[in-house]
């Protein structure tokens, strides 16, 4: 699973480099801001999912301990 994730990141980085190379300098700032917002949003979504899963596991552990 981690190898797939790393391969996906590498592929995404190559696509971003290709896209960035086609941008005019005046478009670069907007591209970087948009990309940053997208990454931040995805990190927040994943963080919430992990915290929800952790909370669920914690509750299950407490129930099993009785």
C-alpha atoms as a PDB file:
ATOM      1  CA  UNK A   1       0.000   0.000   0.000  1.00  0.00           C
ATOM      2  CA  UNK A   2       2.770   2.447   0.872  1.00  0.00           C
ATOM      3  CA  UNK A   3       4.583   1.659  -2.370  1.00  0.00           C
ATOM      4  CA  UNK A   4       1.415   2.422  -4.349  1.00  0.00           C
ATOM      5  CA  UNK A   5       1.019   5.708  -2.483  1.00  0.00           C
ATOM      6  CA  UNK A   6       4.639   6.667  -3.168  1.00  0.00           C
ATOM      7  CA  UNK A   7       4.286   5.766  -6.848  1.00  0.00           C
ATOM      8  CA  UNK A   8       1.141   7.882  -7.045  1.00  0.00           C
ATOM      9  CA  UNK A   9       2.944  10.825  -5.444  1.00  0.00           C
ATOM     10  CA  UNK A  10       5.839  10.493  -7.882  1.00  0.00           C
ATOM     11  CA  UNK A  11       3.448  10.394 -10.840  1.00  0.00           C
ATOM     12  CA  UNK A  12       1.567  13.415  -9.506  1.00  0.00           C
ATOM     13  CA  UNK A  13       4.821  15.335  -9.074  1.00  0.00           C
ATOM     14  CA  UNK A  14       5.770  14.629 -12.686  1.00  0.00           C
ATOM     15  CA  UNK A  15       2.369  15.830 -13.907  1.00  0.00           C
ATOM     16  CA  UNK A  16       2.655  18.992 -11.812  1.00  0.00           C
ATOM     17  CA  UNK A  17       6.114  19.724 -13.192  1.00  0.00           C
ATOM     18  CA  UNK A  18       4.755  19.286 -16.709  1.00  0.00           C
ATOM     19  CA  UNK A  19       1.797  21.579 -15.988  1.00  0.00           C
ATOM     20  CA  UNK A  20       3.964  24.195 -14.305  1.00  0.00           C
ATOM     21  CA  UNK A  21       6.318  24.211 -17.277  1.00  0.00           C
ATOM     22  CA  UNK A  22       3.424  25.179 -19.566  1.00  0.00           C
ATOM     23  CA  UNK A  23       2.268  28.108 -17.435  1.00  0.00           C
ATOM     24  CA  UNK A  24       3.069  31.710 -18.118  1.00  0.00           C
ATOM     25  CA  UNK A  25       4.829  33.476 -15.238  1.00  0.00           C
ATOM     26  CA  UNK A  26       1.654  35.470 -14.572  1.00  0.00           C
ATOM     27  CA  UNK A  27      -0.280  32.223 -14.085  1.00  0.00           C
ATOM     28  CA  UNK A  28       2.242  30.626 -11.738  1.00  0.00           C
ATOM     29  CA  UNK A  29       1.091  32.383  -8.541  1.00  0.00           C
ATOM     30  CA  UNK A  30      -2.527  31.355  -9.058  1.00  0.00           C
ATOM     31  CA  UNK A  31      -1.437  27.793  -9.836  1.00  0.00           C
ATOM     32  CA  UNK A  32       0.671  27.565  -6.682  1.00  0.00           C
ATOM     33  CA  UNK A  33      -2.094  29.020  -4.488  1.00  0.00           C
ATOM     34  CA  UNK A  34      -4.666  26.655  -5.955  1.00  0.00           C
ATOM     35  CA  UNK A  35      -2.372  23.689  -5.530  1.00  0.00           C
ATOM     36  CA  UNK A  36      -1.592  24.688  -1.950  1.00  0.00           C
ATOM     37  CA  UNK A  37      -5.295  24.992  -1.119  1.00  0.00           C
ATOM     38  CA  UNK A  38      -6.010  21.597  -2.669  1.00  0.00           C
ATOM     39  CA  UNK A  39      -3.222  19.919  -0.715  1.00  0.00           C
ATOM     40  CA  UNK A  40      -4.279  21.606   2.520  1.00  0.00           C
ATOM     41  CA  UNK A  41      -7.878  20.523   2.023  1.00  0.00           C
ATOM     42  CA  UNK A  42      -6.870  16.930   1.291  1.00  0.00           C
ATOM     43  CA  UNK A  43      -4.666  16.854   4.400  1.00  0.00           C
ATOM     44  CA  UNK A  44      -7.555  18.131   6.519  1.00  0.00           C
ATOM     45  CA  UNK A  45      -9.926  15.512   5.102  1.00  0.00           C
ATOM     46  CA  UNK A  46      -7.451  12.716   5.768  1.00  0.00           C
ATOM     47  CA  UNK A  47      -6.665  14.018   9.250  1.00  0.00           C
ATOM     48  CA  UNK A  48     -10.358  14.050  10.161  1.00  0.00           C
ATOM     49  CA  UNK A  49     -10.727  10.487   8.858  1.00  0.00           C
ATOM     50  CA  UNK A  50      -7.757   9.291  10.910  1.00  0.00           C
ATOM     51  CA  UNK A  51      -8.999  11.031  14.040  1.00  0.00           C
ATOM     52  CA  UNK A  52     -12.472   9.534  13.562  1.00  0.00           C
ATOM     53  CA  UNK A  53     -10.970   6.061  13.167  1.00  0.00           C
ATOM     54  CA  UNK A  54      -8.786   6.575  16.230  1.00  0.00           C
ATOM     55  CA  UNK A  55     -11.780   7.704  18.268  1.00  0.00           C
ATOM     56  CA  UNK A  56     -13.729   4.626  17.154  1.00  0.00           C
ATOM     57  CA  UNK A  57     -10.853   2.318  18.128  1.00  0.00           C
ATOM     58  CA  UNK A  58     -10.525   4.029  21.493  1.00  0.00           C
ATOM     59  CA  UNK A  59     -14.238   3.578  22.207  1.00  0.00           C
ATOM     60  CA  UNK A  60     -14.092  -0.080  21.149  1.00  0.00           C
ATOM     61  CA  UNK A  61     -11.136  -0.663  23.450  1.00  0.00           C
ATOM     62  CA  UNK A  62     -12.948   0.952  26.357  1.00  0.00           C
ATOM     63  CA  UNK A  63     -16.009  -1.224  25.742  1.00  0.00           C
ATOM     64  CA  UNK A  64     -13.928  -4.386  25.540  1.00  0.00           C
ATOM     65  CA  UNK A  65     -12.231  -3.555  28.859  1.00  0.00           C
ATOM     66  CA  UNK A  66     -15.677  -3.131  30.390  1.00  0.00           C
END
